[in-house]
Amino acid sequence: MARRSLRDRNAAAIAHDFYEPVDAPAEQAPVAPAAEPVEPAAEPAAGQNAAPQAAREKKRAQTPPGDTDRLGIYLTPAEFNGARAGYLADWTNGGEADTFARWIAAALDAHAARTPKQRAAQGGLRVRSEERTGSTRSFNIPTVTMKRMRAAITADQQAGRWPSDSAWAAEAIGIAIDEARAGNGGTLPTPPERLPNRLVR
């Protein structure tokens, strides 16, 4: 082999320096993007569901238990207006009947709880106008109250009194009016032409 000249050796050295391979940087694994924080679902406030639940419970508590029957009784204008006034007076003084029909039912219940002797002494068959100046009024009364009323009328008949349903109911209502007046300082309020469907404190 012919010996290379100095010029050739210098050229080869320069070429070696220029083309010397350089290690490529190691590839890095791609970095996954950080997951966005997930906010926990907001819990309802402590009282948020309590109010509707309380309203439902209250509604159930106000619903009268048991069935009702329709009671039609003849009342004079004085008896009917007196009953409306007595109902308002009792409510004003802490009574529990929040509808007129419930007040009527309470009056019938109270009268049925009396003995025939007590009914005769406290109410008797009150004098009613011979002229029919009133009208028949209908009320939804608990069935249990109607049964007590029928039993009381039967007991009165056995004791020698023969009231009609209207007369017996008017007697019960009249006593309730007197008690409402006494509990209201001897007077009764003037009822409006139309009573509210339900009284609320």
N, C-alpha and C. Protein backbone atom coordinates (compact mmCIF):
# COMPACT_ATOMS: atom_id res chain seq x y z
N MET A 1 0.86 -1.17 0.00
CA MET A 1 0.00 0.00 0.00
C MET A 1 0.90 1.22 0.00
N ALA A 2 0.54 2.20 -0.85
CA ALA A 2 1.34 3.43 -0.91
C ALA A 2 1.09 4.25 0.33
N ARG A 3 2.07 4.80 0.83
CA ARG A 3 1.96 5.63 2.04
C ARG A 3 1.26 6.93 1.68
N ARG A 4 0.23 7.28 2.59
CA ARG A 4 -0.50 8.51 2.31
C ARG A 4 0.35 9.71 2.63
N SER A 5 0.10 10.70 1.87
CA SER A 5 0.87 11.93 2.09
C SER A 5 0.33 12.65 3.30
N LEU A 6 1.11 13.58 3.76
CA LEU A 6 0.69 14.40 4.92
C LEU A 6 -0.60 15.12 4.64
N ARG A 7 -0.74 15.57 3.42
CA ARG A 7 -1.96 16.29 3.04
C ARG A 7 -3.18 15.40 3.15
N ASP A 8 -3.02 14.12 2.69
CA ASP A 8 -4.17 13.20 2.76
C ASP A 8 -4.54 12.88 4.21
N ARG A 9 -3.48 12.71 5.04
CA ARG A 9 -3.78 12.40 6.45
C ARG A 9 -4.50 13.56 7.13
N ASN A 10 -4.10 14.77 6.85
CA ASN A 10 -4.78 15.95 7.45
C ASN A 10 -6.24 16.03 6.99
N ALA A 11 -6.46 15.76 5.70
CA ALA A 11 -7.84 15.83 5.18
C ALA A 11 -8.72 14.78 5.84
N ALA A 12 -8.14 13.58 6.03
CA ALA A 12 -8.93 12.50 6.67
C ALA A 12 -9.24 12.83 8.11
N ALA A 13 -8.28 13.45 8.79
CA ALA A 13 -8.51 13.81 10.20
C ALA A 13 -9.62 14.85 10.33
N ILE A 14 -9.59 15.82 9.41
CA ILE A 14 -10.63 16.87 9.45
C ILE A 14 -12.00 16.26 9.19
N ALA A 15 -12.06 15.35 8.21
CA ALA A 15 -13.35 14.71 7.90
C ALA A 15 -13.86 13.89 9.07
N HIS A 16 -12.97 13.21 9.77
CA HIS A 16 -13.39 12.40 10.93
C HIS A 16 -13.97 13.27 12.02
N ASP A 17 -13.33 14.41 12.28
CA ASP A 17 -13.86 15.31 13.31
C ASP A 17 -15.22 15.86 12.92
N PHE A 18 -15.45 16.13 11.64
CA PHE A 18 -16.69 16.77 11.21
C PHE A 18 -17.87 15.81 11.28
N TYR A 19 -17.59 14.54 10.90
CA TYR A 19 -18.69 13.58 10.80
C TYR A 19 -18.80 12.66 12.00
N GLU A 20 -18.13 12.94 13.09
CA GLU A 20 -18.21 12.05 14.26
C GLU A 20 -19.64 12.02 14.77
N PRO A 21 -20.25 10.86 14.90
CA PRO A 21 -21.67 10.80 15.34
C PRO A 21 -21.84 11.29 16.77
N VAL A 22 -22.92 11.94 16.93
CA VAL A 22 -23.28 12.46 18.27
C VAL A 22 -24.49 11.69 18.76
N ASP A 23 -24.39 11.18 19.97
CA ASP A 23 -25.52 10.41 20.52
C ASP A 23 -26.75 11.30 20.61
N ALA A 24 -27.86 10.80 20.06
CA ALA A 24 -29.12 11.56 20.14
C ALA A 24 -29.65 11.51 21.57
N PRO A 25 -30.28 12.57 22.00
CA PRO A 25 -30.85 12.56 23.36
C PRO A 25 -31.91 11.49 23.49
N ALA A 26 -31.92 10.87 24.65
CA ALA A 26 -32.90 9.80 24.88
C ALA A 26 -34.31 10.37 24.82
N GLU A 27 -35.18 9.61 24.15
CA GLU A 27 -36.57 10.06 24.07
C GLU A 27 -37.23 9.94 25.45
N GLN A 28 -37.99 10.96 25.77
CA GLN A 28 -38.71 10.96 27.05
C GLN A 28 -40.15 10.54 26.80
N ALA A 29 -40.65 9.78 27.72
CA ALA A 29 -42.05 9.35 27.59
C ALA A 29 -42.97 10.57 27.68
N PRO A 30 -43.97 10.62 26.84
CA PRO A 30 -44.88 11.78 26.90
C PRO A 30 -45.54 11.88 28.27
N VAL A 31 -45.64 13.10 28.74
CA VAL A 31 -46.24 13.35 30.06
C VAL A 31 -47.73 13.53 29.88
N ALA A 32 -48.49 12.69 30.57
CA ALA A 32 -49.95 12.80 30.48
C ALA A 32 -50.40 14.07 31.15
N PRO A 33 -51.37 14.78 30.54
CA PRO A 33 -51.86 16.02 31.18
C PRO A 33 -52.51 15.72 32.52
N ALA A 34 -52.28 16.61 33.45
CA ALA A 34 -52.85 16.42 34.79
C ALA A 34 -54.36 16.44 34.72
N ALA A 35 -55.00 15.48 35.41
CA ALA A 35 -56.46 15.44 35.42
C ALA A 35 -57.01 16.61 36.20
N GLU A 36 -58.09 17.19 35.65
CA GLU A 36 -58.71 18.31 36.34
C GLU A 36 -59.40 17.81 37.60
N PRO A 37 -59.26 18.55 38.69
CA PRO A 37 -59.93 18.10 39.93
C PRO A 37 -61.43 18.09 39.78
N VAL A 38 -62.06 17.03 40.26
CA VAL A 38 -63.51 16.91 40.20
C VAL A 38 -64.09 17.35 41.52
N GLU A 39 -64.97 18.36 41.44
CA GLU A 39 -65.57 18.87 42.68
C GLU A 39 -66.66 17.92 43.13
N PRO A 40 -66.71 17.62 44.43
CA PRO A 40 -67.78 16.74 44.92
C PRO A 40 -69.13 17.40 44.77
N ALA A 41 -70.16 16.58 44.51
CA ALA A 41 -71.51 17.12 44.36
C ALA A 41 -71.93 17.81 45.65
N ALA A 42 -72.53 18.98 45.46
CA ALA A 42 -72.94 19.75 46.63
C ALA A 42 -74.08 19.04 47.33
N GLU A 43 -73.94 18.88 48.63
CA GLU A 43 -75.00 18.26 49.42
C GLU A 43 -76.06 19.29 49.74
N PRO A 44 -77.36 18.88 49.74
CA PRO A 44 -78.41 19.85 50.08
C PRO A 44 -78.24 20.35 51.50
N ALA A 45 -78.61 21.58 51.67
CA ALA A 45 -78.52 22.18 53.00
C ALA A 45 -79.39 21.39 53.96
N ALA A 46 -79.02 21.49 55.23
CA ALA A 46 -79.70 20.67 56.24
C ALA A 46 -81.19 20.92 56.24
N GLY A 47 -81.62 22.17 56.07
CA GLY A 47 -83.04 22.47 56.14
C GLY A 47 -83.74 22.51 54.81
N GLN A 48 -82.96 22.19 53.70
CA GLN A 48 -83.54 22.33 52.38
C GLN A 48 -84.70 21.38 52.16
N ASN A 49 -84.55 20.12 52.58
CA ASN A 49 -85.62 19.14 52.40
C ASN A 49 -86.53 19.07 53.61
N ALA A 50 -86.13 19.71 54.69
CA ALA A 50 -86.93 19.62 55.92
C ALA A 50 -88.25 20.35 55.77
N ALA A 51 -88.21 21.52 55.09
CA ALA A 51 -89.43 22.32 54.99
C ALA A 51 -90.54 21.59 54.23
N PRO A 52 -90.27 21.05 53.00
CA PRO A 52 -91.34 20.31 52.32
C PRO A 52 -91.83 19.12 53.12
N GLN A 53 -90.90 18.42 53.80
CA GLN A 53 -91.30 17.26 54.60
C GLN A 53 -92.21 17.69 55.74
N ALA A 54 -91.84 18.82 56.40
CA ALA A 54 -92.67 19.30 57.51
C ALA A 54 -94.04 19.70 57.02
N ALA A 55 -94.09 20.30 55.82
CA ALA A 55 -95.39 20.71 55.26
C ALA A 55 -96.26 19.49 54.99
N ARG A 56 -95.65 18.42 54.47
CA ARG A 56 -96.43 17.20 54.21
C ARG A 56 -96.94 16.59 55.50
N GLU A 57 -96.08 16.58 56.54
CA GLU A 57 -96.50 16.03 57.83
C GLU A 57 -97.64 16.84 58.41
N LYS A 58 -97.53 18.18 58.27
CA LYS A 58 -98.58 19.04 58.81
C LYS A 58 -99.89 18.80 58.09
N LYS A 59 -99.80 18.65 56.77
CA LYS A 59 -101.01 18.41 55.99
C LYS A 59 -101.67 17.12 56.41
N ARG A 60 -100.86 16.06 56.63
CA ARG A 60 -101.42 14.78 57.07
C ARG A 60 -102.05 14.91 58.45
N ALA A 61 -101.41 15.71 59.32
CA ALA A 61 -101.93 15.85 60.69
C ALA A 61 -103.27 16.56 60.70
N GLN A 62 -103.49 17.50 59.72
CA GLN A 62 -104.73 18.26 59.69
C GLN A 62 -105.86 17.50 59.02
N THR A 63 -105.55 16.42 58.33
CA THR A 63 -106.58 15.66 57.64
C THR A 63 -107.41 14.91 58.67
N PRO A 64 -108.75 15.14 58.69
CA PRO A 64 -109.57 14.48 59.69
C PRO A 64 -109.58 12.98 59.48
N PRO A 65 -109.40 12.20 60.55
CA PRO A 65 -109.38 10.75 60.41
C PRO A 65 -110.76 10.20 60.13
N GLY A 66 -110.84 9.08 59.44
CA GLY A 66 -112.11 8.41 59.23
C GLY A 66 -112.95 9.03 58.14
N ASP A 67 -114.13 8.43 57.93
CA ASP A 67 -115.05 8.88 56.89
C ASP A 67 -115.95 9.98 57.42
N THR A 68 -116.61 10.65 56.48
CA THR A 68 -117.57 11.68 56.85
C THR A 68 -118.90 11.40 56.17
N ASP A 69 -119.95 11.90 56.78
CA ASP A 69 -121.30 11.83 56.21
C ASP A 69 -121.85 13.24 56.12
N ARG A 70 -122.77 13.42 55.22
CA ARG A 70 -123.36 14.74 55.04
C ARG A 70 -124.61 14.85 55.91
N LEU A 71 -124.62 15.85 56.76
CA LEU A 71 -125.74 16.09 57.66
C LEU A 71 -126.47 17.36 57.23
N GLY A 72 -127.75 17.22 56.94
CA GLY A 72 -128.57 18.37 56.61
C GLY A 72 -129.52 18.69 57.75
N ILE A 73 -129.43 19.90 58.28
CA ILE A 73 -130.28 20.30 59.41
C ILE A 73 -130.91 21.67 59.11
N TYR A 74 -132.12 21.83 59.62
CA TYR A 74 -132.82 23.10 59.44
C TYR A 74 -132.39 24.07 60.54
N LEU A 75 -131.93 25.25 60.13
CA LEU A 75 -131.52 26.28 61.08
C LEU A 75 -132.15 27.60 60.70
N THR A 76 -132.61 28.31 61.70
CA THR A 76 -133.13 29.66 61.46
C THR A 76 -131.95 30.60 61.21
N PRO A 77 -132.21 31.78 60.64
CA PRO A 77 -131.12 32.73 60.44
C PRO A 77 -130.39 33.08 61.74
N ALA A 78 -131.15 33.22 62.84
CA ALA A 78 -130.52 33.55 64.12
C ALA A 78 -129.61 32.42 64.59
N GLU A 79 -130.06 31.18 64.42
CA GLU A 79 -129.24 30.04 64.83
C GLU A 79 -127.98 29.93 63.97
N PHE A 80 -128.14 30.12 62.67
CA PHE A 80 -127.01 29.98 61.76
C PHE A 80 -125.97 31.08 62.00
N ASN A 81 -126.43 32.32 62.11
CA ASN A 81 -125.49 33.42 62.36
C ASN A 81 -124.86 33.32 63.74
N GLY A 82 -125.65 32.86 64.72
CA GLY A 82 -125.09 32.67 66.05
C GLY A 82 -124.00 31.61 66.05
N ALA A 83 -124.21 30.55 65.28
CA ALA A 83 -123.20 29.49 65.18
C ALA A 83 -121.93 30.02 64.53
N ARG A 84 -122.07 30.81 63.49
CA ARG A 84 -120.89 31.37 62.82
C ARG A 84 -120.12 32.29 63.77
N ALA A 85 -120.86 33.08 64.54
CA ALA A 85 -120.21 33.98 65.50
C ALA A 85 -119.54 33.18 66.62
N GLY A 86 -120.22 32.13 67.09
CA GLY A 86 -119.64 31.30 68.13
C GLY A 86 -118.37 30.60 67.67
N TYR A 87 -118.38 30.17 66.43
CA TYR A 87 -117.19 29.53 65.85
C TYR A 87 -116.01 30.49 65.85
N LEU A 88 -116.22 31.73 65.43
CA LEU A 88 -115.14 32.72 65.41
C LEU A 88 -114.68 33.08 66.81
N ALA A 89 -115.64 33.19 67.75
CA ALA A 89 -115.27 33.53 69.12
C ALA A 89 -114.43 32.42 69.75
N ASP A 90 -114.83 31.18 69.54
CA ASP A 90 -114.06 30.07 70.09
C ASP A 90 -112.64 30.03 69.51
N TRP A 91 -112.52 30.27 68.21
CA TRP A 91 -111.19 30.26 67.59
C TRP A 91 -110.33 31.38 68.17
N THR A 92 -110.93 32.55 68.35
CA THR A 92 -110.19 33.68 68.91
C THR A 92 -109.67 33.37 70.31
N ASN A 93 -110.42 32.57 71.04
CA ASN A 93 -110.06 32.25 72.41
C ASN A 93 -109.36 30.90 72.55
N GLY A 94 -108.72 30.45 71.49
CA GLY A 94 -107.89 29.25 71.56
C GLY A 94 -108.55 27.96 71.14
N GLY A 95 -109.73 28.03 70.53
CA GLY A 95 -110.40 26.81 70.07
C GLY A 95 -109.61 26.10 68.99
N GLU A 96 -109.86 24.80 68.86
CA GLU A 96 -109.11 23.97 67.91
C GLU A 96 -109.82 23.79 66.57
N ALA A 97 -111.12 24.01 66.52
CA ALA A 97 -111.86 23.81 65.26
C ALA A 97 -111.48 24.91 64.28
N ASP A 98 -110.80 24.52 63.19
CA ASP A 98 -110.34 25.52 62.22
C ASP A 98 -111.25 25.62 61.00
N THR A 99 -112.35 24.86 60.99
CA THR A 99 -113.37 25.01 59.96
C THR A 99 -114.74 25.05 60.64
N PHE A 100 -115.70 25.65 59.96
CA PHE A 100 -117.04 25.76 60.54
C PHE A 100 -117.65 24.38 60.74
N ALA A 101 -117.45 23.48 59.79
CA ALA A 101 -118.01 22.13 59.91
C ALA A 101 -117.44 21.40 61.13
N ARG A 102 -116.17 21.61 61.41
CA ARG A 102 -115.57 20.97 62.59
C ARG A 102 -116.14 21.55 63.87
N TRP A 103 -116.44 22.84 63.86
CA TRP A 103 -117.05 23.44 65.04
C TRP A 103 -118.44 22.84 65.27
N ILE A 104 -119.21 22.68 64.19
CA ILE A 104 -120.53 22.06 64.30
C ILE A 104 -120.39 20.63 64.83
N ALA A 105 -119.44 19.89 64.29
CA ALA A 105 -119.22 18.51 64.74
C ALA A 105 -118.85 18.46 66.22
N ALA A 106 -118.03 19.41 66.66
CA ALA A 106 -117.64 19.44 68.08
C ALA A 106 -118.85 19.72 68.96
N ALA A 107 -119.75 20.60 68.50
CA ALA A 107 -120.96 20.89 69.26
C ALA A 107 -121.85 19.65 69.37
N LEU A 108 -121.97 18.91 68.28
CA LEU A 108 -122.77 17.68 68.30
C LEU A 108 -122.14 16.63 69.21
N ASP A 109 -120.82 16.51 69.13
CA ASP A 109 -120.11 15.54 69.98
C ASP A 109 -120.30 15.87 71.46
N ALA A 110 -120.17 17.15 71.79
CA ALA A 110 -120.31 17.56 73.19
C ALA A 110 -121.72 17.28 73.70
N HIS A 111 -122.71 17.50 72.86
CA HIS A 111 -124.10 17.27 73.27
C HIS A 111 -124.37 15.78 73.42
N ALA A 112 -123.80 14.97 72.53
CA ALA A 112 -124.00 13.53 72.61
C ALA A 112 -123.34 12.94 73.85
N ALA A 113 -122.28 13.59 74.34
CA ALA A 113 -121.57 13.10 75.52
C ALA A 113 -122.36 13.36 76.81
N ARG A 114 -123.35 14.25 76.74
CA ARG A 114 -124.18 14.51 77.93
C ARG A 114 -125.20 13.38 78.10
N THR A 115 -125.69 13.25 79.31
CA THR A 115 -126.73 12.26 79.56
C THR A 115 -128.07 12.83 79.12
N PRO A 116 -129.08 11.98 78.91
CA PRO A 116 -130.40 12.50 78.55
C PRO A 116 -130.92 13.52 79.56
N LYS A 117 -130.64 13.29 80.84
CA LYS A 117 -131.09 14.23 81.86
C LYS A 117 -130.37 15.57 81.71
N GLN A 118 -129.08 15.53 81.44
CA GLN A 118 -128.31 16.77 81.26
C GLN A 118 -128.78 17.52 80.02
N ARG A 119 -129.08 16.78 78.95
CA ARG A 119 -129.56 17.44 77.74
C ARG A 119 -130.91 18.10 77.98
N ALA A 120 -131.76 17.42 78.73
CA ALA A 120 -133.08 17.99 79.00
C ALA A 120 -132.97 19.23 79.88
N ALA A 121 -132.06 19.19 80.87
CA ALA A 121 -131.92 20.32 81.79
C ALA A 121 -131.19 21.49 81.15
N GLN A 122 -130.16 21.20 80.38
CA GLN A 122 -129.32 22.27 79.84
C GLN A 122 -129.88 22.86 78.55
N GLY A 123 -130.51 22.03 77.76
CA GLY A 123 -131.01 22.54 76.49
C GLY A 123 -132.50 22.44 76.37
N GLY A 124 -133.01 21.24 76.62
CA GLY A 124 -134.43 21.04 76.40
C GLY A 124 -134.75 21.24 74.93
N LEU A 125 -135.96 21.09 74.58
CA LEU A 125 -136.38 21.40 73.22
C LEU A 125 -136.67 22.89 73.15
N ARG A 126 -135.71 23.64 72.70
CA ARG A 126 -135.82 25.09 72.66
C ARG A 126 -136.99 25.49 71.77
N VAL A 127 -137.61 26.59 72.15
CA VAL A 127 -138.75 27.08 71.39
C VAL A 127 -138.25 27.53 70.02
N ARG A 128 -138.84 26.98 69.00
CA ARG A 128 -138.47 27.34 67.64
C ARG A 128 -139.68 27.96 66.95
N SER A 129 -139.39 28.84 66.05
CA SER A 129 -140.46 29.55 65.36
C SER A 129 -141.36 28.58 64.60
N GLU A 130 -142.65 28.80 64.69
CA GLU A 130 -143.59 27.96 63.95
C GLU A 130 -143.48 28.24 62.45
N GLU A 131 -143.12 29.46 62.13
CA GLU A 131 -142.98 29.84 60.73
C GLU A 131 -141.58 29.43 60.24
N ARG A 132 -141.55 28.82 59.08
CA ARG A 132 -140.28 28.37 58.54
C ARG A 132 -139.56 29.55 57.89
N THR A 133 -138.73 30.19 58.70
CA THR A 133 -137.99 31.35 58.20
C THR A 133 -136.55 31.00 57.85
N GLY A 134 -136.15 29.77 58.15
CA GLY A 134 -134.76 29.39 57.92
C GLY A 134 -134.61 28.54 56.68
N SER A 135 -133.56 27.77 56.66
CA SER A 135 -133.28 26.89 55.52
C SER A 135 -132.43 25.72 56.00
N THR A 136 -132.34 24.72 55.16
CA THR A 136 -131.54 23.54 55.49
C THR A 136 -130.08 23.81 55.17
N ARG A 137 -129.24 23.54 56.13
CA ARG A 137 -127.79 23.70 55.96
C ARG A 137 -127.14 22.33 56.02
N SER A 138 -126.19 22.12 55.13
CA SER A 138 -125.51 20.83 55.06
C SER A 138 -124.07 20.95 55.53
N PHE A 139 -123.63 19.94 56.28
CA PHE A 139 -122.26 19.92 56.81
C PHE A 139 -121.69 18.51 56.65
N ASN A 140 -120.41 18.43 56.36
CA ASN A 140 -119.70 17.15 56.34
C ASN A 140 -119.22 16.84 57.75
N ILE A 141 -119.83 15.85 58.35
CA ILE A 141 -119.59 15.50 59.75
C ILE A 141 -118.93 14.12 59.81
N PRO A 142 -117.94 13.92 60.69
CA PRO A 142 -117.35 12.58 60.83
C PRO A 142 -118.43 11.52 61.11
N THR A 143 -118.27 10.38 60.48
CA THR A 143 -119.25 9.31 60.65
C THR A 143 -119.41 8.91 62.11
N VAL A 144 -118.31 8.91 62.85
CA VAL A 144 -118.38 8.53 64.26
C VAL A 144 -119.24 9.52 65.04
N THR A 145 -119.20 10.80 64.68
CA THR A 145 -120.03 11.80 65.34
C THR A 145 -121.50 11.56 65.02
N MET A 146 -121.78 11.21 63.77
CA MET A 146 -123.16 10.93 63.38
C MET A 146 -123.71 9.74 64.18
N LYS A 147 -122.89 8.73 64.39
CA LYS A 147 -123.34 7.57 65.16
C LYS A 147 -123.62 7.95 66.61
N ARG A 148 -122.77 8.80 67.18
CA ARG A 148 -123.00 9.25 68.56
C ARG A 148 -124.29 10.06 68.65
N MET A 149 -124.53 10.88 67.65
CA MET A 149 -125.75 11.68 67.62
C MET A 149 -126.98 10.78 67.56
N ARG A 150 -126.96 9.75 66.69
CA ARG A 150 -128.09 8.84 66.59
C ARG A 150 -128.33 8.11 67.90
N ALA A 151 -127.23 7.67 68.54
CA ALA A 151 -127.37 6.97 69.82
C ALA A 151 -127.95 7.88 70.89
N ALA A 152 -127.54 9.15 70.89
CA ALA A 152 -128.05 10.10 71.88
C ALA A 152 -129.52 10.40 71.65
N ILE A 153 -129.93 10.53 70.39
CA ILE A 153 -131.35 10.78 70.10
C ILE A 153 -132.19 9.58 70.54
N THR A 154 -131.68 8.37 70.31
CA THR A 154 -132.39 7.17 70.76
C THR A 154 -132.52 7.16 72.28
N ALA A 155 -131.45 7.56 72.97
CA ALA A 155 -131.50 7.61 74.44
C ALA A 155 -132.50 8.65 74.91
N ASP A 156 -132.58 9.79 74.22
CA ASP A 156 -133.56 10.82 74.59
C ASP A 156 -134.98 10.31 74.38
N GLN A 157 -135.19 9.56 73.32
CA GLN A 157 -136.52 9.01 73.07
C GLN A 157 -136.92 8.03 74.18
N GLN A 158 -135.95 7.25 74.62
CA GLN A 158 -136.24 6.31 75.70
C GLN A 158 -136.52 7.04 77.01
N ALA A 159 -136.00 8.27 77.11
CA ALA A 159 -136.25 9.07 78.32
C ALA A 159 -137.50 9.93 78.19
N GLY A 160 -138.22 9.78 77.08
CA GLY A 160 -139.48 10.50 76.94
C GLY A 160 -139.41 11.76 76.11
N ARG A 161 -138.27 12.06 75.50
CA ARG A 161 -138.15 13.23 74.62
C ARG A 161 -138.03 12.74 73.18
N TRP A 162 -138.68 13.46 72.27
CA TRP A 162 -138.72 13.01 70.89
C TRP A 162 -138.27 14.13 69.94
N PRO A 163 -137.01 14.50 70.01
CA PRO A 163 -136.54 15.57 69.12
C PRO A 163 -136.27 15.04 67.71
N SER A 164 -136.53 15.89 66.74
CA SER A 164 -136.10 15.56 65.38
C SER A 164 -134.59 15.77 65.28
N ASP A 165 -134.02 15.32 64.19
CA ASP A 165 -132.58 15.52 64.00
C ASP A 165 -132.23 17.01 64.02
N SER A 166 -133.03 17.81 63.33
CA SER A 166 -132.75 19.25 63.27
C SER A 166 -132.91 19.90 64.63
N ALA A 167 -133.96 19.50 65.37
CA ALA A 167 -134.18 20.09 66.69
C ALA A 167 -133.05 19.70 67.64
N TRP A 168 -132.63 18.45 67.59
CA TRP A 168 -131.55 17.99 68.47
C TRP A 168 -130.25 18.72 68.13
N ALA A 169 -129.94 18.85 66.83
CA ALA A 169 -128.72 19.53 66.41
C ALA A 169 -128.78 21.02 66.77
N ALA A 170 -129.95 21.64 66.59
CA ALA A 170 -130.08 23.06 66.94
C ALA A 170 -129.89 23.26 68.43
N GLU A 171 -130.36 22.30 69.23
CA GLU A 171 -130.15 22.36 70.67
C GLU A 171 -128.66 22.30 71.00
N ALA A 172 -127.95 21.38 70.35
CA ALA A 172 -126.50 21.26 70.58
C ALA A 172 -125.77 22.53 70.17
N ILE A 173 -126.16 23.08 69.03
CA ILE A 173 -125.51 24.30 68.54
C ILE A 173 -125.83 25.48 69.45
N GLY A 174 -127.08 25.55 69.92
CA GLY A 174 -127.46 26.66 70.82
C GLY A 174 -126.63 26.65 72.10
N ILE A 175 -126.40 25.47 72.68
CA ILE A 175 -125.58 25.38 73.89
C ILE A 175 -124.14 25.80 73.58
N ALA A 176 -123.63 25.38 72.43
CA ALA A 176 -122.26 25.75 72.04
C ALA A 176 -122.14 27.26 71.83
N ILE A 177 -123.19 27.88 71.31
CA ILE A 177 -123.18 29.34 71.13
C ILE A 177 -123.13 30.03 72.49
N ASP A 178 -123.96 29.56 73.43
CA ASP A 178 -123.97 30.16 74.77
C ASP A 178 -122.60 30.03 75.43
N GLU A 179 -121.96 28.89 75.28
CA GLU A 179 -120.64 28.69 75.89
C GLU A 179 -119.59 29.58 75.22
N ALA A 180 -119.69 29.75 73.91
CA ALA A 180 -118.74 30.62 73.21
C ALA A 180 -118.92 32.07 73.64
N ARG A 181 -120.17 32.48 73.84
CA ARG A 181 -120.44 33.85 74.30
C ARG A 181 -119.88 34.06 75.70
N ALA A 182 -120.10 33.09 76.58
CA ALA A 182 -119.58 33.22 77.95
C ALA A 182 -118.06 33.26 77.95
N GLY A 183 -117.42 32.48 77.09
CA GLY A 183 -115.96 32.47 77.03
C GLY A 183 -115.38 33.69 76.36
N ASN A 184 -116.24 34.50 75.73
CA ASN A 184 -115.78 35.69 75.04
C ASN A 184 -116.20 36.97 75.76
N GLY A 185 -116.44 36.85 77.05
CA GLY A 185 -116.80 38.03 77.83
C GLY A 185 -118.24 38.46 77.70
N GLY A 186 -119.12 37.56 77.29
CA GLY A 186 -120.53 37.88 77.20
C GLY A 186 -120.98 38.43 75.86
N THR A 187 -120.10 38.51 74.90
CA THR A 187 -120.46 39.02 73.57
C THR A 187 -119.95 38.07 72.49
N LEU A 188 -120.46 38.27 71.30
CA LEU A 188 -120.01 37.50 70.15
C LEU A 188 -119.62 38.45 69.03
N PRO A 189 -118.63 38.09 68.23
CA PRO A 189 -118.25 38.95 67.11
C PRO A 189 -119.29 38.90 66.00
N THR A 190 -119.28 39.90 65.16
CA THR A 190 -120.16 39.90 63.99
C THR A 190 -119.45 39.15 62.86
N PRO A 191 -120.00 38.03 62.43
CA PRO A 191 -119.30 37.26 61.40
C PRO A 191 -119.40 37.93 60.03
N PRO A 192 -118.43 37.71 59.17
CA PRO A 192 -118.52 38.25 57.81
C PRO A 192 -119.59 37.51 57.01
N GLU A 193 -119.94 38.05 55.87
CA GLU A 193 -120.95 37.40 55.04
C GLU A 193 -120.49 36.01 54.62
N ARG A 194 -119.21 35.87 54.39
CA ARG A 194 -118.67 34.56 53.98
C ARG A 194 -117.48 34.22 54.87
N LEU A 195 -117.58 33.08 55.54
CA LEU A 195 -116.48 32.66 56.41
C LEU A 195 -115.31 32.15 55.57
N PRO A 196 -114.09 32.29 56.08
CA PRO A 196 -112.94 31.67 55.40
C PRO A 196 -113.11 30.15 55.37
N ASN A 197 -112.57 29.53 54.34
CA ASN A 197 -112.66 28.06 54.25
C ASN A 197 -111.98 27.39 55.45
N ARG A 198 -110.87 27.99 55.89
CA ARG A 198 -110.14 27.45 57.03
C ARG A 198 -109.45 28.59 57.75
N LEU A 199 -109.51 28.58 59.06
CA LEU A 199 -108.83 29.59 59.86
C LEU A 199 -107.40 29.14 60.14
N VAL A 200 -106.49 30.10 60.09
CA VAL A 200 -105.07 29.81 60.32
C VAL A 200 -104.52 30.82 61.30
N ARG A 201 -103.81 30.35 62.30
CA ARG A 201 -103.19 31.26 63.27
C ARG A 201 -101.81 31.67 62.76
